[in-house]
N, C-alpha and C. Protein backbone atom coordinates (compact mmCIF):
# COMPACT_ATOMS: atom_id res chain seq x y z
N MET A 1 69.25 -22.30 -13.75
CA MET A 1 70.00 -23.46 -14.12
C MET A 1 69.24 -24.21 -15.21
N ILE A 2 69.97 -24.67 -16.21
CA ILE A 2 69.39 -25.46 -17.29
C ILE A 2 69.86 -26.90 -17.14
N ARG A 3 68.91 -27.82 -17.35
CA ARG A 3 69.29 -29.24 -17.38
C ARG A 3 68.34 -29.99 -18.29
N LYS A 4 68.84 -31.13 -18.79
CA LYS A 4 68.00 -32.00 -19.60
C LYS A 4 66.95 -32.64 -18.71
N LEU A 5 65.76 -32.78 -19.24
CA LEU A 5 64.68 -33.43 -18.52
C LEU A 5 64.53 -34.86 -19.02
N SER A 6 64.11 -35.74 -18.13
CA SER A 6 63.84 -37.12 -18.50
C SER A 6 62.40 -37.22 -19.02
N SER A 7 62.09 -38.36 -19.62
CA SER A 7 60.73 -38.53 -20.14
C SER A 7 59.69 -38.53 -19.03
N THR A 8 60.11 -38.85 -17.79
CA THR A 8 59.16 -38.82 -16.67
C THR A 8 58.91 -37.39 -16.18
N GLU A 9 59.68 -36.43 -16.66
CA GLU A 9 59.52 -35.04 -16.24
C GLU A 9 58.80 -34.18 -17.28
N THR A 10 58.34 -34.78 -18.36
CA THR A 10 57.70 -33.99 -19.41
C THR A 10 56.43 -33.29 -18.93
N GLU A 11 55.79 -33.83 -17.91
CA GLU A 11 54.57 -33.21 -17.37
C GLU A 11 54.85 -31.81 -16.80
N LEU A 12 56.12 -31.51 -16.50
CA LEU A 12 56.47 -30.18 -16.00
C LEU A 12 56.13 -29.07 -17.00
N ILE A 13 56.04 -29.43 -18.27
CA ILE A 13 55.69 -28.45 -19.30
C ILE A 13 54.37 -27.76 -18.92
N ALA A 14 53.45 -28.50 -18.33
CA ALA A 14 52.14 -27.96 -17.97
C ALA A 14 52.21 -26.83 -16.96
N THR A 15 53.32 -26.71 -16.23
CA THR A 15 53.44 -25.66 -15.22
C THR A 15 53.95 -24.34 -15.79
N ILE A 16 54.33 -24.33 -17.06
CA ILE A 16 54.76 -23.09 -17.71
C ILE A 16 53.53 -22.19 -17.89
N ASP A 17 53.64 -20.96 -17.47
CA ASP A 17 52.55 -19.98 -17.57
C ASP A 17 52.57 -19.37 -18.97
N ARG A 18 51.64 -19.77 -19.82
CA ARG A 18 51.60 -19.31 -21.21
C ARG A 18 50.88 -17.98 -21.38
N THR A 19 50.47 -17.34 -20.32
CA THR A 19 49.72 -16.09 -20.42
C THR A 19 50.42 -15.09 -21.34
N GLU A 20 49.64 -14.55 -22.27
CA GLU A 20 50.20 -13.55 -23.18
C GLU A 20 49.06 -12.79 -23.85
N ASP A 21 49.19 -11.48 -23.92
CA ASP A 21 48.27 -10.66 -24.69
C ASP A 21 48.96 -10.35 -26.01
N ILE A 22 48.42 -10.88 -27.07
CA ILE A 22 48.99 -10.71 -28.40
C ILE A 22 48.26 -9.57 -29.09
N THR A 23 49.02 -8.59 -29.54
CA THR A 23 48.41 -7.44 -30.21
C THR A 23 48.72 -7.43 -31.71
N PHE A 24 49.83 -8.02 -32.09
CA PHE A 24 50.22 -8.05 -33.50
C PHE A 24 50.84 -9.40 -33.84
N SER A 25 50.66 -9.79 -35.07
CA SER A 25 51.35 -10.94 -35.66
C SER A 25 52.00 -10.46 -36.94
N TYR A 26 52.81 -11.32 -37.51
CA TYR A 26 53.42 -11.01 -38.80
C TYR A 26 52.78 -11.87 -39.88
N ARG A 27 52.72 -11.30 -41.06
CA ARG A 27 52.30 -12.05 -42.25
C ARG A 27 53.37 -11.79 -43.31
N TYR A 28 53.84 -12.87 -43.93
CA TYR A 28 54.85 -12.76 -44.98
C TYR A 28 54.13 -12.61 -46.32
N GLU A 29 54.28 -11.43 -46.91
CA GLU A 29 53.61 -11.13 -48.17
C GLU A 29 54.55 -10.40 -49.12
N HIS A 30 54.59 -10.84 -50.36
CA HIS A 30 55.36 -10.16 -51.39
C HIS A 30 56.81 -9.93 -50.96
N GLY A 31 57.39 -10.94 -50.30
CA GLY A 31 58.81 -10.87 -49.94
C GLY A 31 59.14 -10.06 -48.70
N GLN A 32 58.15 -9.70 -47.91
CA GLN A 32 58.46 -8.95 -46.69
C GLN A 32 57.50 -9.31 -45.57
N LEU A 33 57.95 -9.06 -44.35
CA LEU A 33 57.12 -9.26 -43.17
C LEU A 33 56.29 -8.02 -42.92
N ASN A 34 54.99 -8.21 -42.76
CA ASN A 34 54.09 -7.11 -42.46
C ASN A 34 53.39 -7.37 -41.14
N LYS A 35 53.30 -6.33 -40.31
CA LYS A 35 52.56 -6.45 -39.05
C LYS A 35 51.07 -6.40 -39.34
N VAL A 36 50.35 -7.28 -38.64
CA VAL A 36 48.91 -7.35 -38.78
C VAL A 36 48.32 -7.29 -37.38
N HIS A 37 47.37 -6.37 -37.18
CA HIS A 37 46.73 -6.27 -35.86
C HIS A 37 45.97 -7.56 -35.57
N GLN A 38 46.16 -8.05 -34.36
CA GLN A 38 45.49 -9.29 -33.95
C GLN A 38 45.38 -9.24 -32.43
N ALA A 39 44.17 -9.15 -31.92
CA ALA A 39 43.95 -9.07 -30.48
C ALA A 39 43.53 -10.44 -29.96
N ILE A 40 44.48 -11.10 -29.30
CA ILE A 40 44.23 -12.42 -28.73
C ILE A 40 44.81 -12.45 -27.33
N SER A 41 44.06 -13.03 -26.42
CA SER A 41 44.57 -13.23 -25.06
C SER A 41 44.71 -14.73 -24.83
N VAL A 42 45.94 -15.15 -24.56
CA VAL A 42 46.20 -16.55 -24.21
C VAL A 42 46.26 -16.60 -22.69
N THR A 43 45.41 -17.42 -22.11
CA THR A 43 45.35 -17.46 -20.64
C THR A 43 45.81 -18.78 -20.05
N GLU A 44 45.77 -19.84 -20.84
CA GLU A 44 46.19 -21.14 -20.32
C GLU A 44 46.46 -22.06 -21.49
N TRP A 45 46.95 -23.24 -21.18
CA TRP A 45 47.18 -24.25 -22.19
C TRP A 45 45.87 -24.79 -22.73
N ASP A 46 45.83 -25.05 -24.02
CA ASP A 46 44.76 -25.83 -24.60
C ASP A 46 45.06 -27.29 -24.25
N CYS A 47 44.12 -27.98 -23.63
CA CYS A 47 44.36 -29.34 -23.12
C CYS A 47 44.85 -30.30 -24.20
N THR A 48 44.26 -30.24 -25.38
CA THR A 48 44.66 -31.13 -26.47
C THR A 48 46.08 -30.81 -26.92
N GLU A 49 46.39 -29.53 -27.07
CA GLU A 49 47.72 -29.11 -27.49
C GLU A 49 48.77 -29.52 -26.44
N LEU A 50 48.46 -29.31 -25.17
CA LEU A 50 49.39 -29.66 -24.11
C LEU A 50 49.67 -31.16 -24.10
N LYS A 51 48.63 -31.96 -24.22
CA LYS A 51 48.81 -33.42 -24.25
C LYS A 51 49.69 -33.82 -25.42
N ASP A 52 49.48 -33.20 -26.58
CA ASP A 52 50.29 -33.49 -27.77
C ASP A 52 51.75 -33.11 -27.55
N ILE A 53 52.00 -31.95 -26.97
CA ILE A 53 53.37 -31.50 -26.71
C ILE A 53 54.07 -32.44 -25.75
N ILE A 54 53.39 -32.85 -24.69
CA ILE A 54 53.99 -33.77 -23.71
C ILE A 54 54.31 -35.11 -24.37
N GLU A 55 53.39 -35.64 -25.16
CA GLU A 55 53.63 -36.92 -25.84
C GLU A 55 54.76 -36.81 -26.86
N ARG A 56 54.78 -35.71 -27.63
CA ARG A 56 55.89 -35.49 -28.58
C ARG A 56 57.22 -35.41 -27.85
N SER A 57 57.22 -34.75 -26.70
CA SER A 57 58.46 -34.60 -25.92
C SER A 57 58.96 -35.96 -25.43
N LYS A 58 58.05 -36.79 -24.94
CA LYS A 58 58.43 -38.14 -24.52
C LYS A 58 59.02 -38.92 -25.69
N HIS A 59 58.38 -38.82 -26.84
CA HIS A 59 58.81 -39.53 -28.03
C HIS A 59 60.19 -39.07 -28.48
N LEU A 60 60.41 -37.75 -28.50
CA LEU A 60 61.71 -37.28 -28.99
C LEU A 60 62.83 -37.63 -28.02
N ILE A 61 62.57 -37.65 -26.72
CA ILE A 61 63.58 -38.09 -25.75
C ILE A 61 63.91 -39.56 -25.98
N LYS A 62 62.88 -40.37 -26.15
CA LYS A 62 63.07 -41.80 -26.39
C LYS A 62 63.90 -42.06 -27.64
N ASN A 63 63.81 -41.17 -28.63
CA ASN A 63 64.49 -41.36 -29.90
C ASN A 63 65.75 -40.49 -30.05
N GLY A 64 66.36 -40.11 -28.92
CA GLY A 64 67.64 -39.43 -28.95
C GLY A 64 67.61 -37.92 -28.92
N GLY A 65 66.41 -37.34 -28.93
CA GLY A 65 66.30 -35.89 -28.84
C GLY A 65 66.45 -35.44 -27.40
N ALA A 66 66.19 -34.16 -27.16
CA ALA A 66 66.38 -33.63 -25.81
C ALA A 66 65.33 -32.59 -25.48
N LEU A 67 64.94 -32.59 -24.21
CA LEU A 67 64.06 -31.58 -23.64
C LEU A 67 64.83 -30.92 -22.52
N PHE A 68 65.01 -29.61 -22.62
CA PHE A 68 65.73 -28.86 -21.60
C PHE A 68 64.74 -28.04 -20.78
N GLY A 69 65.02 -27.94 -19.49
CA GLY A 69 64.24 -27.10 -18.61
C GLY A 69 65.12 -26.06 -17.97
N TYR A 70 64.59 -24.87 -17.81
CA TYR A 70 65.28 -23.80 -17.08
C TYR A 70 64.60 -23.69 -15.72
N PHE A 71 65.41 -23.79 -14.68
CA PHE A 71 64.88 -23.77 -13.31
C PHE A 71 65.37 -22.54 -12.56
N ASP A 72 64.45 -21.95 -11.83
CA ASP A 72 64.74 -20.84 -10.94
C ASP A 72 64.28 -21.27 -9.55
N ASN A 73 65.22 -21.52 -8.65
CA ASN A 73 64.89 -22.01 -7.30
C ASN A 73 63.99 -23.25 -7.36
N ASP A 74 64.40 -24.21 -8.16
CA ASP A 74 63.70 -25.50 -8.31
C ASP A 74 62.32 -25.39 -8.96
N ILE A 75 61.98 -24.24 -9.51
CA ILE A 75 60.71 -24.06 -10.23
C ILE A 75 61.05 -23.92 -11.71
N ILE A 76 60.42 -24.75 -12.54
CA ILE A 76 60.67 -24.68 -13.97
C ILE A 76 59.99 -23.44 -14.54
N THR A 77 60.76 -22.64 -15.28
CA THR A 77 60.21 -21.41 -15.85
C THR A 77 60.37 -21.35 -17.36
N GLY A 78 60.99 -22.37 -17.94
CA GLY A 78 61.15 -22.41 -19.39
C GLY A 78 61.48 -23.81 -19.86
N VAL A 79 61.08 -24.13 -21.08
CA VAL A 79 61.39 -25.42 -21.69
C VAL A 79 61.70 -25.22 -23.17
N ALA A 80 62.56 -26.10 -23.69
CA ALA A 80 62.87 -26.12 -25.12
C ALA A 80 63.25 -27.54 -25.49
N SER A 81 62.91 -27.94 -26.72
CA SER A 81 63.24 -29.30 -27.13
C SER A 81 63.72 -29.35 -28.57
N ILE A 82 64.42 -30.45 -28.85
CA ILE A 82 64.96 -30.68 -30.19
C ILE A 82 64.79 -32.14 -30.55
N ASN A 83 64.41 -32.37 -31.80
CA ASN A 83 64.28 -33.71 -32.33
C ASN A 83 65.64 -34.15 -32.85
N ALA A 84 65.99 -35.43 -32.72
CA ALA A 84 67.31 -35.91 -33.11
C ALA A 84 67.36 -36.45 -34.54
N THR A 85 66.25 -36.44 -35.25
CA THR A 85 66.23 -36.96 -36.62
C THR A 85 66.56 -35.85 -37.60
N LEU A 86 67.65 -36.03 -38.36
CA LEU A 86 68.04 -35.03 -39.33
C LEU A 86 66.99 -34.93 -40.44
N LEU A 87 66.67 -33.71 -40.82
CA LEU A 87 65.70 -33.47 -41.89
C LEU A 87 66.38 -33.65 -43.24
N SER A 88 65.62 -34.00 -44.23
CA SER A 88 66.18 -34.11 -45.58
C SER A 88 66.19 -32.75 -46.28
N ALA A 89 65.28 -31.88 -45.90
CA ALA A 89 65.28 -30.53 -46.46
C ALA A 89 64.78 -29.58 -45.38
N PRO A 90 65.53 -28.61 -44.94
CA PRO A 90 66.90 -28.37 -45.36
C PRO A 90 67.83 -29.47 -44.85
N ASP A 91 68.79 -29.82 -45.68
CA ASP A 91 69.71 -30.92 -45.42
C ASP A 91 70.53 -30.68 -44.15
N HIS A 92 70.60 -31.69 -43.32
CA HIS A 92 71.41 -31.70 -42.09
C HIS A 92 70.92 -30.70 -41.04
N TYR A 93 69.63 -30.43 -41.03
CA TYR A 93 69.03 -29.58 -40.01
C TYR A 93 68.24 -30.46 -39.04
N LEU A 94 68.14 -30.00 -37.80
CA LEU A 94 67.27 -30.64 -36.82
C LEU A 94 66.12 -29.72 -36.50
N LEU A 95 64.98 -30.32 -36.17
CA LEU A 95 63.79 -29.56 -35.83
C LEU A 95 63.82 -29.17 -34.36
N MET A 96 63.76 -27.87 -34.08
CA MET A 96 63.54 -27.40 -32.72
C MET A 96 62.04 -27.46 -32.52
N ASP A 97 61.58 -28.29 -31.57
CA ASP A 97 60.16 -28.54 -31.44
C ASP A 97 59.43 -27.47 -30.65
N ILE A 98 59.89 -27.15 -29.45
CA ILE A 98 59.21 -26.15 -28.62
C ILE A 98 60.20 -25.22 -27.94
N LEU A 99 59.72 -24.06 -27.59
CA LEU A 99 60.43 -23.11 -26.72
C LEU A 99 59.37 -22.27 -26.04
N TYR A 100 59.20 -22.47 -24.75
CA TYR A 100 58.21 -21.72 -23.97
C TYR A 100 58.88 -21.17 -22.71
N ILE A 101 58.55 -19.91 -22.41
CA ILE A 101 59.03 -19.27 -21.19
C ILE A 101 57.80 -18.77 -20.43
N SER A 102 57.77 -19.00 -19.11
CA SER A 102 56.66 -18.51 -18.29
C SER A 102 56.55 -17.00 -18.39
N HIS A 103 55.32 -16.55 -18.38
CA HIS A 103 54.98 -15.14 -18.56
C HIS A 103 55.84 -14.20 -17.70
N GLN A 104 55.93 -14.47 -16.42
CA GLN A 104 56.65 -13.58 -15.50
C GLN A 104 58.16 -13.58 -15.73
N GLN A 105 58.67 -14.57 -16.46
CA GLN A 105 60.12 -14.70 -16.65
C GLN A 105 60.60 -14.22 -18.01
N ARG A 106 59.70 -13.80 -18.88
CA ARG A 106 60.09 -13.35 -20.21
C ARG A 106 60.89 -12.05 -20.13
N GLY A 107 61.80 -11.91 -21.06
CA GLY A 107 62.63 -10.71 -21.11
C GLY A 107 63.84 -10.76 -20.20
N LYS A 108 64.13 -11.91 -19.62
CA LYS A 108 65.25 -12.05 -18.69
C LYS A 108 66.39 -12.88 -19.27
N GLY A 109 66.32 -13.19 -20.55
CA GLY A 109 67.40 -13.94 -21.20
C GLY A 109 67.27 -15.45 -21.12
N ILE A 110 66.19 -15.95 -20.54
CA ILE A 110 66.00 -17.39 -20.40
C ILE A 110 65.84 -18.05 -21.77
N GLY A 111 65.10 -17.42 -22.66
CA GLY A 111 64.91 -17.97 -24.00
C GLY A 111 66.23 -18.11 -24.74
N VAL A 112 67.10 -17.12 -24.61
CA VAL A 112 68.41 -17.17 -25.26
C VAL A 112 69.24 -18.31 -24.68
N LYS A 113 69.20 -18.48 -23.36
CA LYS A 113 69.96 -19.56 -22.72
C LYS A 113 69.45 -20.93 -23.16
N LEU A 114 68.12 -21.08 -23.22
CA LEU A 114 67.56 -22.35 -23.67
C LEU A 114 67.88 -22.58 -25.15
N PHE A 115 67.82 -21.53 -25.95
CA PHE A 115 68.16 -21.69 -27.36
C PHE A 115 69.62 -22.11 -27.52
N ASP A 116 70.50 -21.52 -26.73
CA ASP A 116 71.92 -21.91 -26.79
C ASP A 116 72.10 -23.39 -26.43
N ALA A 117 71.34 -23.87 -25.44
CA ALA A 117 71.42 -25.29 -25.07
C ALA A 117 70.96 -26.16 -26.24
N ILE A 118 69.88 -25.76 -26.91
CA ILE A 118 69.37 -26.49 -28.06
C ILE A 118 70.39 -26.46 -29.20
N LYS A 119 70.97 -25.30 -29.44
CA LYS A 119 71.96 -25.15 -30.51
C LYS A 119 73.17 -26.06 -30.25
N ASN A 120 73.66 -26.08 -29.02
CA ASN A 120 74.80 -26.94 -28.70
C ASN A 120 74.46 -28.42 -28.82
N GLU A 121 73.24 -28.78 -28.42
CA GLU A 121 72.79 -30.16 -28.56
C GLU A 121 72.74 -30.55 -30.04
N ALA A 122 72.23 -29.64 -30.86
CA ALA A 122 72.13 -29.90 -32.30
C ALA A 122 73.50 -30.11 -32.92
N LEU A 123 74.45 -29.28 -32.55
CA LEU A 123 75.81 -29.45 -33.07
C LEU A 123 76.38 -30.79 -32.66
N GLY A 124 76.13 -31.20 -31.42
CA GLY A 124 76.60 -32.49 -30.93
C GLY A 124 75.96 -33.67 -31.65
N LEU A 125 74.78 -33.45 -32.20
CA LEU A 125 74.09 -34.50 -32.94
C LEU A 125 74.41 -34.45 -34.44
N GLY A 126 75.33 -33.58 -34.81
CA GLY A 126 75.77 -33.52 -36.20
C GLY A 126 74.98 -32.59 -37.10
N ALA A 127 74.14 -31.76 -36.54
CA ALA A 127 73.34 -30.84 -37.36
C ALA A 127 74.17 -29.66 -37.82
N GLN A 128 73.77 -29.12 -38.97
CA GLN A 128 74.40 -27.91 -39.49
C GLN A 128 73.52 -26.69 -39.26
N GLY A 129 72.30 -26.92 -38.78
CA GLY A 129 71.39 -25.82 -38.52
C GLY A 129 70.13 -26.32 -37.85
N LEU A 130 69.28 -25.38 -37.48
CA LEU A 130 68.01 -25.70 -36.84
C LEU A 130 66.87 -25.25 -37.73
N TYR A 131 65.84 -26.06 -37.79
CA TYR A 131 64.61 -25.69 -38.47
C TYR A 131 63.64 -25.28 -37.38
N ILE A 132 63.14 -24.06 -37.47
CA ILE A 132 62.24 -23.53 -36.44
C ILE A 132 60.93 -23.14 -37.10
N SER A 133 59.87 -23.77 -36.63
CA SER A 133 58.52 -23.42 -37.07
C SER A 133 57.81 -22.87 -35.85
N ALA A 134 57.46 -21.60 -35.90
CA ALA A 134 56.92 -20.95 -34.71
C ALA A 134 55.67 -20.15 -35.04
N THR A 135 54.95 -19.76 -34.00
CA THR A 135 53.78 -18.91 -34.20
C THR A 135 54.24 -17.57 -34.76
N PRO A 136 53.42 -16.93 -35.58
CA PRO A 136 53.83 -15.67 -36.20
C PRO A 136 53.62 -14.44 -35.32
N THR A 137 53.43 -14.62 -34.02
CA THR A 137 53.20 -13.46 -33.15
C THR A 137 54.43 -12.58 -33.12
N ILE A 138 54.21 -11.30 -32.87
CA ILE A 138 55.30 -10.33 -32.92
C ILE A 138 56.40 -10.66 -31.90
N ASN A 139 56.02 -11.08 -30.69
CA ASN A 139 57.03 -11.40 -29.68
C ASN A 139 57.89 -12.58 -30.11
N THR A 140 57.27 -13.60 -30.68
CA THR A 140 58.01 -14.79 -31.09
C THR A 140 58.94 -14.49 -32.26
N VAL A 141 58.40 -13.88 -33.30
CA VAL A 141 59.22 -13.59 -34.48
C VAL A 141 60.34 -12.62 -34.14
N ASP A 142 60.03 -11.58 -33.38
CA ASP A 142 61.06 -10.61 -33.00
C ASP A 142 62.17 -11.26 -32.17
N PHE A 143 61.82 -12.23 -31.32
CA PHE A 143 62.83 -12.96 -30.55
C PHE A 143 63.83 -13.62 -31.50
N TYR A 144 63.33 -14.36 -32.48
CA TYR A 144 64.24 -15.05 -33.41
C TYR A 144 64.99 -14.08 -34.30
N LEU A 145 64.37 -12.99 -34.68
CA LEU A 145 65.07 -11.98 -35.48
C LEU A 145 66.22 -11.36 -34.69
N ARG A 146 66.01 -11.14 -33.40
CA ARG A 146 67.09 -10.60 -32.56
C ARG A 146 68.27 -11.55 -32.51
N LEU A 147 68.01 -12.83 -32.65
CA LEU A 147 69.09 -13.82 -32.66
C LEU A 147 69.71 -13.95 -34.05
N SER A 148 69.19 -13.19 -35.00
CA SER A 148 69.65 -13.23 -36.40
C SER A 148 69.57 -14.64 -36.98
N LEU A 149 68.45 -15.28 -36.73
CA LEU A 149 68.30 -16.67 -37.16
C LEU A 149 67.40 -16.83 -38.37
N ILE A 150 66.53 -15.88 -38.60
CA ILE A 150 65.53 -16.06 -39.64
C ILE A 150 66.09 -15.58 -40.98
N HIS A 151 65.99 -16.45 -41.95
CA HIS A 151 66.35 -16.09 -43.33
C HIS A 151 65.09 -16.22 -44.16
N ILE A 152 64.65 -15.13 -44.71
CA ILE A 152 63.38 -15.14 -45.46
C ILE A 152 63.68 -15.03 -46.95
């Protein structure tokens, strides 16, 4: 089940399991995406980054944006957020701030469902598109490419 979270629920973001073994990232060079070997193990949240994400989430909710949570048996397993301030470039786009899915729940369509919630929220706020700035890891970029969202 997906629902909007209140600013008092932003701390739930900390319960998302960010565990991931990253083997490749992408680098955009000479007009094309190239895979680059990169061995990184993400085991937990960086405390400073987590605090920043929670504070940004509170701020965007306060200013008309939205934070959505995906729940499985009352346990949050995914989050996504959108800022409500239209960007000047690209014109009439909204910034999708975060999209995280717990490690054990990846590959089950939760990211697509959360993205759809963000997309519908953006349309309701008058946006013509979403601006997505994401990590260049292979799993992240391939997710957005599967949605046919990336224009390079």
